[in-house]
Amino acid sequence: IHLSARMRMYEDLVKHGVKDLLLREYGDSVIDPQDGYDVTLRYELATLPEDKDSVALKASLLKRNCFASVFEKYFKMQEAETPSEETAVVHYHEEEAMYISAKTDRVTVIFSTLFKDPDDIVIGKVFSPRV
């Protein structure tokens, strides 16, 4: 079985260690991506462990684990009290991005959000007033 994923943010995540994280989490299951995809996992049905549920759960976390790579990198910087020299920019939607940076005492994450629906715009103005 091949499980492949294409993610808008994948190229941004490559700069922050996503390939190493995937190898750590999925090991030999990571293969060269199929055409049109960013990452592919291969599972041989004949050699799956008895606990197939744990394999399925781990595979289902593929996108989450990719996205986690940038957080893991910056939280490790903060833990080591090494501030980041640059702010990571991850374009997770077409017109939206996440910015993350590490200081010696904190990690700052900012999500830019574009509200298109009129109701969402009102809710955004109520809960996210400009300061």
N, C-alpha and C. Protein backbone atom coordinates (compact mmCIF):
# COMPACT_ATOMS: atom_id res chain seq x y z
N ILE A 1 0.85 -1.17 0.00
CA ILE A 1 0.00 0.00 0.00
C ILE A 1 0.89 1.23 0.00
N HIS A 2 0.56 2.20 -0.86
CA HIS A 2 1.26 3.49 -0.87
C HIS A 2 0.32 4.55 -0.32
N LEU A 3 0.83 5.36 0.57
CA LEU A 3 0.12 6.52 1.09
C LEU A 3 0.93 7.74 0.69
N SER A 4 0.34 8.58 -0.16
CA SER A 4 1.04 9.76 -0.64
C SER A 4 0.28 11.01 -0.24
N ALA A 5 1.02 12.10 -0.04
CA ALA A 5 0.40 13.37 0.33
C ALA A 5 1.09 14.50 -0.41
N ARG A 6 0.29 15.46 -0.78
CA ARG A 6 0.79 16.70 -1.36
C ARG A 6 0.32 17.82 -0.45
N MET A 7 1.25 18.67 -0.02
CA MET A 7 0.93 19.74 0.91
C MET A 7 1.50 21.05 0.41
N ARG A 8 0.66 22.06 0.39
CA ARG A 8 1.08 23.39 -0.04
C ARG A 8 2.33 23.84 0.73
N MET A 9 2.41 23.48 1.99
CA MET A 9 3.46 23.98 2.86
C MET A 9 4.73 23.13 2.85
N TYR A 10 4.75 22.04 2.09
CA TYR A 10 5.84 21.08 2.20
C TYR A 10 7.21 21.72 1.92
N GLU A 11 7.33 22.48 0.84
CA GLU A 11 8.64 23.09 0.52
C GLU A 11 9.11 24.02 1.63
N ASP A 12 8.18 24.72 2.27
CA ASP A 12 8.56 25.56 3.42
C ASP A 12 9.10 24.68 4.55
N LEU A 13 8.50 23.52 4.74
CA LEU A 13 8.88 22.64 5.84
C LEU A 13 10.22 21.94 5.60
N VAL A 14 10.59 21.78 4.33
CA VAL A 14 11.88 21.15 4.02
C VAL A 14 13.01 21.94 4.66
N LYS A 15 12.88 23.26 4.69
CA LYS A 15 13.90 24.13 5.30
C LYS A 15 14.01 23.92 6.80
N HIS A 16 13.03 23.26 7.38
CA HIS A 16 12.97 23.13 8.84
C HIS A 16 13.01 21.68 9.32
N GLY A 17 13.52 20.79 8.48
CA GLY A 17 13.79 19.44 8.93
C GLY A 17 12.70 18.41 8.76
N VAL A 18 11.74 18.65 7.87
CA VAL A 18 10.65 17.69 7.72
C VAL A 18 11.15 16.33 7.24
N LYS A 19 12.16 16.31 6.38
CA LYS A 19 12.64 15.02 5.87
C LYS A 19 13.26 14.18 6.98
N ASP A 20 14.03 14.81 7.86
CA ASP A 20 14.61 14.08 8.99
C ASP A 20 13.51 13.58 9.93
N LEU A 21 12.51 14.41 10.18
CA LEU A 21 11.41 13.99 11.05
C LEU A 21 10.67 12.80 10.46
N LEU A 22 10.42 12.83 9.15
CA LEU A 22 9.72 11.71 8.51
C LEU A 22 10.53 10.42 8.60
N LEU A 23 11.84 10.52 8.40
CA LEU A 23 12.68 9.32 8.53
C LEU A 23 12.68 8.80 9.96
N ARG A 24 12.69 9.70 10.92
CA ARG A 24 12.66 9.29 12.32
C ARG A 24 11.34 8.60 12.67
N GLU A 25 10.24 9.18 12.20
CA GLU A 25 8.91 8.65 12.54
C GLU A 25 8.51 7.42 11.73
N TYR A 26 8.89 7.38 10.45
CA TYR A 26 8.39 6.33 9.56
C TYR A 26 9.47 5.40 9.02
N GLY A 27 10.73 5.74 9.25
CA GLY A 27 11.83 4.86 8.87
C GLY A 27 11.81 4.42 7.42
N ASP A 28 11.94 3.11 7.22
CA ASP A 28 12.02 2.54 5.88
C ASP A 28 10.71 2.66 5.10
N SER A 29 9.65 3.07 5.74
CA SER A 29 8.38 3.25 5.02
C SER A 29 8.42 4.47 4.12
N VAL A 30 9.34 5.40 4.37
CA VAL A 30 9.48 6.58 3.52
C VAL A 30 10.21 6.17 2.24
N ILE A 31 9.56 6.44 1.10
CA ILE A 31 10.18 6.15 -0.18
C ILE A 31 10.15 7.43 -1.02
N ASP A 32 10.79 7.39 -2.18
CA ASP A 32 10.74 8.56 -3.07
C ASP A 32 9.28 8.86 -3.39
N PRO A 33 8.91 10.12 -3.36
CA PRO A 33 7.50 10.47 -3.59
C PRO A 33 7.01 10.07 -4.98
N GLN A 34 5.78 9.64 -5.03
CA GLN A 34 5.15 9.36 -6.32
C GLN A 34 4.98 10.68 -7.07
N ASP A 35 4.89 10.61 -8.38
CA ASP A 35 4.72 11.82 -9.19
C ASP A 35 3.53 12.63 -8.72
N GLY A 36 3.76 13.94 -8.54
CA GLY A 36 2.69 14.84 -8.14
C GLY A 36 2.49 14.94 -6.64
N TYR A 37 3.31 14.26 -5.86
CA TYR A 37 3.18 14.27 -4.40
C TYR A 37 4.49 14.70 -3.76
N ASP A 38 4.40 15.13 -2.51
CA ASP A 38 5.58 15.56 -1.77
C ASP A 38 6.20 14.44 -0.95
N VAL A 39 5.39 13.54 -0.47
CA VAL A 39 5.88 12.46 0.39
C VAL A 39 5.04 11.21 0.12
N THR A 40 5.72 10.07 0.17
CA THR A 40 5.04 8.79 -0.01
C THR A 40 5.55 7.80 1.03
N LEU A 41 4.62 7.09 1.63
CA LEU A 41 4.95 6.00 2.55
C LEU A 41 4.52 4.69 1.89
N ARG A 42 5.32 3.65 2.07
CA ARG A 42 4.98 2.33 1.52
C ARG A 42 4.88 1.32 2.66
N TYR A 43 3.79 0.59 2.65
CA TYR A 43 3.58 -0.47 3.64
C TYR A 43 3.36 -1.78 2.90
N GLU A 44 4.12 -2.78 3.27
CA GLU A 44 3.95 -4.12 2.70
C GLU A 44 2.95 -4.88 3.57
N LEU A 45 1.84 -5.25 2.97
CA LEU A 45 0.78 -5.92 3.72
C LEU A 45 1.26 -7.22 4.36
N ALA A 46 2.14 -7.93 3.66
CA ALA A 46 2.60 -9.23 4.16
C ALA A 46 3.48 -9.11 5.40
N THR A 47 4.07 -7.92 5.61
CA THR A 47 5.01 -7.78 6.73
C THR A 47 4.53 -6.80 7.80
N LEU A 48 3.25 -6.43 7.77
CA LEU A 48 2.73 -5.53 8.80
C LEU A 48 2.74 -6.25 10.16
N PRO A 49 3.01 -5.51 11.23
CA PRO A 49 2.97 -6.13 12.56
C PRO A 49 1.53 -6.53 12.93
N GLU A 50 1.40 -7.32 13.95
CA GLU A 50 0.06 -7.75 14.38
C GLU A 50 -0.81 -6.57 14.77
N ASP A 51 -0.20 -5.55 15.37
CA ASP A 51 -0.94 -4.37 15.80
C ASP A 51 -1.11 -3.41 14.62
N LYS A 52 -1.97 -3.78 13.70
CA LYS A 52 -2.19 -2.98 12.50
C LYS A 52 -2.82 -1.63 12.82
N ASP A 53 -3.56 -1.55 13.91
CA ASP A 53 -4.19 -0.28 14.29
C ASP A 53 -3.14 0.79 14.58
N SER A 54 -2.04 0.41 15.21
CA SER A 54 -1.01 1.40 15.51
C SER A 54 -0.33 1.89 14.23
N VAL A 55 -0.17 1.00 13.25
CA VAL A 55 0.40 1.41 11.97
C VAL A 55 -0.54 2.37 11.26
N ALA A 56 -1.83 2.06 11.27
CA ALA A 56 -2.84 2.92 10.63
C ALA A 56 -2.89 4.28 11.32
N LEU A 57 -2.84 4.29 12.64
CA LEU A 57 -2.87 5.56 13.37
C LEU A 57 -1.65 6.41 13.02
N LYS A 58 -0.48 5.79 13.03
CA LYS A 58 0.74 6.54 12.72
C LYS A 58 0.70 7.08 11.29
N ALA A 59 0.22 6.29 10.36
CA ALA A 59 0.12 6.74 8.97
C ALA A 59 -0.87 7.90 8.86
N SER A 60 -1.94 7.85 9.63
CA SER A 60 -2.95 8.91 9.56
C SER A 60 -2.41 10.25 10.09
N LEU A 61 -1.31 10.22 10.82
CA LEU A 61 -0.72 11.43 11.37
C LEU A 61 0.34 12.05 10.45
N LEU A 62 0.39 11.60 9.21
CA LEU A 62 1.43 12.06 8.28
C LEU A 62 1.45 13.58 8.13
N LYS A 63 0.33 14.18 7.82
CA LYS A 63 0.31 15.63 7.62
C LYS A 63 0.62 16.36 8.92
N ARG A 64 0.08 15.89 10.01
CA ARG A 64 0.34 16.49 11.33
C ARG A 64 1.83 16.43 11.65
N ASN A 65 2.45 15.28 11.39
CA ASN A 65 3.87 15.13 11.68
C ASN A 65 4.72 16.04 10.80
N CYS A 66 4.33 16.20 9.54
CA CYS A 66 5.05 17.14 8.67
C CYS A 66 4.98 18.55 9.24
N PHE A 67 3.78 18.97 9.59
CA PHE A 67 3.59 20.32 10.11
C PHE A 67 4.34 20.52 11.43
N ALA A 68 4.49 19.44 12.20
CA ALA A 68 5.16 19.53 13.50
C ALA A 68 6.65 19.81 13.39
N SER A 69 7.24 19.54 12.23
CA SER A 69 8.70 19.68 12.11
C SER A 69 9.18 21.09 12.43
N VAL A 70 8.48 22.10 11.96
CA VAL A 70 8.91 23.48 12.21
C VAL A 70 8.74 23.83 13.69
N PHE A 71 7.66 23.36 14.31
CA PHE A 71 7.47 23.61 15.74
C PHE A 71 8.56 22.93 16.55
N GLU A 72 8.86 21.69 16.22
CA GLU A 72 9.88 20.95 16.94
C GLU A 72 11.23 21.68 16.87
N LYS A 73 11.57 22.17 15.69
CA LYS A 73 12.84 22.89 15.51
C LYS A 73 12.91 24.13 16.40
N TYR A 74 11.85 24.93 16.40
CA TYR A 74 11.88 26.19 17.14
C TYR A 74 11.72 25.98 18.65
N PHE A 75 10.97 24.96 19.05
CA PHE A 75 10.89 24.66 20.49
C PHE A 75 12.22 24.15 21.02
N LYS A 76 12.96 23.41 20.21
CA LYS A 76 14.30 22.97 20.62
C LYS A 76 15.25 24.15 20.75
N MET A 77 15.12 25.12 19.86
CA MET A 77 15.94 26.34 19.97
C MET A 77 15.67 27.05 21.28
N GLN A 78 14.39 27.21 21.59
CA GLN A 78 14.02 27.90 22.83
C GLN A 78 14.51 27.12 24.03
N GLU A 79 14.35 25.81 23.98
CA GLU A 79 14.79 24.97 25.10
C GLU A 79 16.29 25.10 25.33
N ALA A 80 17.05 25.25 24.24
CA ALA A 80 18.50 25.42 24.35
C ALA A 80 18.88 26.88 24.58
N GLU A 81 17.87 27.74 24.72
CA GLU A 81 18.07 29.18 24.90
C GLU A 81 18.91 29.78 23.78
N THR A 82 18.63 29.30 22.56
CA THR A 82 19.30 29.80 21.36
C THR A 82 18.26 30.49 20.50
N PRO A 83 18.26 31.81 20.45
CA PRO A 83 17.24 32.49 19.65
C PRO A 83 17.41 32.22 18.16
N SER A 84 16.30 32.19 17.45
CA SER A 84 16.36 31.96 16.01
C SER A 84 16.88 33.21 15.32
N GLU A 85 17.67 32.98 14.28
CA GLU A 85 18.21 34.11 13.54
C GLU A 85 17.21 34.63 12.52
N GLU A 86 16.27 33.79 12.14
CA GLU A 86 15.26 34.20 11.18
C GLU A 86 13.90 33.65 11.59
N THR A 87 12.87 34.28 11.10
CA THR A 87 11.51 33.83 11.37
C THR A 87 11.12 32.84 10.29
N ALA A 88 10.60 31.69 10.71
CA ALA A 88 10.11 30.70 9.76
C ALA A 88 8.78 31.18 9.20
N VAL A 89 8.60 30.99 7.92
CA VAL A 89 7.35 31.33 7.26
C VAL A 89 6.83 30.07 6.59
N VAL A 90 5.63 29.66 6.98
CA VAL A 90 5.01 28.45 6.43
C VAL A 90 3.68 28.85 5.81
N HIS A 91 3.57 28.67 4.51
CA HIS A 91 2.35 29.02 3.77
C HIS A 91 1.41 27.81 3.79
N TYR A 92 0.56 27.74 4.78
CA TYR A 92 -0.29 26.56 4.96
C TYR A 92 -1.59 26.61 4.18
N HIS A 93 -2.02 27.76 3.72
CA HIS A 93 -3.15 27.94 2.82
C HIS A 93 -2.76 28.93 1.74
N GLU A 94 -3.58 29.03 0.71
CA GLU A 94 -3.23 29.87 -0.45
C GLU A 94 -2.85 31.30 -0.06
N GLU A 95 -3.64 31.94 0.76
CA GLU A 95 -3.37 33.33 1.12
C GLU A 95 -3.09 33.50 2.61
N GLU A 96 -2.73 32.42 3.27
CA GLU A 96 -2.48 32.48 4.72
C GLU A 96 -1.14 31.84 5.04
N ALA A 97 -0.50 32.38 6.05
CA ALA A 97 0.81 31.87 6.44
C ALA A 97 0.93 31.86 7.96
N MET A 98 1.91 31.10 8.42
CA MET A 98 2.24 31.05 9.84
C MET A 98 3.69 31.53 9.97
N TYR A 99 3.94 32.32 10.98
CA TYR A 99 5.28 32.84 11.26
C TYR A 99 5.68 32.34 12.64
N ILE A 100 6.90 31.83 12.75
CA ILE A 100 7.34 31.30 14.04
C ILE A 100 8.80 31.71 14.28
N SER A 101 9.06 32.14 15.50
CA SER A 101 10.43 32.50 15.88
C SER A 101 10.66 32.10 17.33
N ALA A 102 11.92 31.87 17.65
CA ALA A 102 12.30 31.47 19.00
C ALA A 102 13.15 32.55 19.64
N LYS A 103 12.86 32.82 20.88
CA LYS A 103 13.70 33.67 21.72
C LYS A 103 14.23 32.78 22.84
N THR A 104 15.05 33.31 23.70
CA THR A 104 15.60 32.48 24.78
C THR A 104 14.53 32.08 25.79
N ASP A 105 13.46 32.85 25.89
CA ASP A 105 12.44 32.56 26.91
C ASP A 105 11.06 32.25 26.35
N ARG A 106 10.91 32.21 25.01
CA ARG A 106 9.59 31.96 24.44
C ARG A 106 9.69 31.63 22.95
N VAL A 107 8.62 31.03 22.45
CA VAL A 107 8.44 30.82 21.01
C VAL A 107 7.20 31.60 20.63
N THR A 108 7.31 32.40 19.60
CA THR A 108 6.18 33.19 19.13
C THR A 108 5.67 32.60 17.82
N VAL A 109 4.36 32.36 17.77
CA VAL A 109 3.72 31.84 16.57
C VAL A 109 2.59 32.79 16.20
N ILE A 110 2.60 33.24 14.96
CA ILE A 110 1.57 34.14 14.47
C ILE A 110 0.94 33.50 13.23
N PHE A 111 -0.37 33.38 13.24
CA PHE A 111 -1.10 32.87 12.09
C PHE A 111 -1.78 34.04 11.40
N SER A 112 -1.49 34.24 10.13
CA SER A 112 -2.24 35.24 9.37
C SER A 112 -3.48 34.53 8.85
N THR A 113 -4.60 35.18 8.99
CA THR A 113 -5.87 34.58 8.61
C THR A 113 -6.64 35.56 7.74
N LEU A 114 -7.17 35.04 6.66
CA LEU A 114 -7.97 35.85 5.75
C LEU A 114 -9.42 35.42 5.87
N PHE A 115 -10.26 36.31 6.36
CA PHE A 115 -11.69 36.01 6.48
C PHE A 115 -12.39 36.44 5.20
N LYS A 116 -13.10 35.51 4.56
CA LYS A 116 -13.81 35.82 3.32
C LYS A 116 -15.32 35.87 3.54
N ASP A 117 -15.84 34.98 4.34
CA ASP A 117 -17.27 34.94 4.61
C ASP A 117 -17.66 36.15 5.46
N PRO A 118 -18.76 36.83 5.13
CA PRO A 118 -19.16 38.02 5.90
C PRO A 118 -19.32 37.75 7.40
N ASP A 119 -19.88 36.60 7.76
CA ASP A 119 -20.03 36.27 9.19
C ASP A 119 -18.67 36.10 9.86
N ASP A 120 -17.74 35.46 9.14
CA ASP A 120 -16.40 35.27 9.69
C ASP A 120 -15.69 36.61 9.89
N ILE A 121 -15.93 37.55 8.98
CA ILE A 121 -15.32 38.88 9.11
C ILE A 121 -15.80 39.56 10.38
N VAL A 122 -17.09 39.47 10.66
CA VAL A 122 -17.64 40.07 11.88
C VAL A 122 -17.05 39.41 13.11
N ILE A 123 -17.03 38.08 13.11
CA ILE A 123 -16.47 37.34 14.26
C ILE A 123 -15.00 37.69 14.44
N GLY A 124 -14.25 37.79 13.33
CA GLY A 124 -12.84 38.16 13.41
C GLY A 124 -12.63 39.53 14.00
N LYS A 125 -13.51 40.46 13.66
CA LYS A 125 -13.39 41.82 14.20
C LYS A 125 -13.69 41.85 15.70
N VAL A 126 -14.59 40.98 16.14
CA VAL A 126 -14.95 40.94 17.55
C VAL A 126 -13.83 40.32 18.38
N PHE A 127 -13.27 39.21 17.88
CA PHE A 127 -12.28 38.46 18.67
C PHE A 127 -10.84 38.84 18.38
N SER A 128 -10.58 39.56 17.32
CA SER A 128 -9.21 39.92 16.97
C SER A 128 -9.08 41.42 16.69
N PRO A 129 -9.44 42.24 17.66
CA PRO A 129 -9.33 43.68 17.40
C PRO A 129 -7.87 44.08 17.27
N ARG A 130 -7.64 45.08 16.45
CA ARG A 130 -6.27 45.59 16.28
C ARG A 130 -5.91 46.40 17.51
N VAL A 131 -4.71 46.23 17.96
CA VAL A 131 -4.24 46.98 19.12
C VAL A 131 -3.35 48.11 18.71
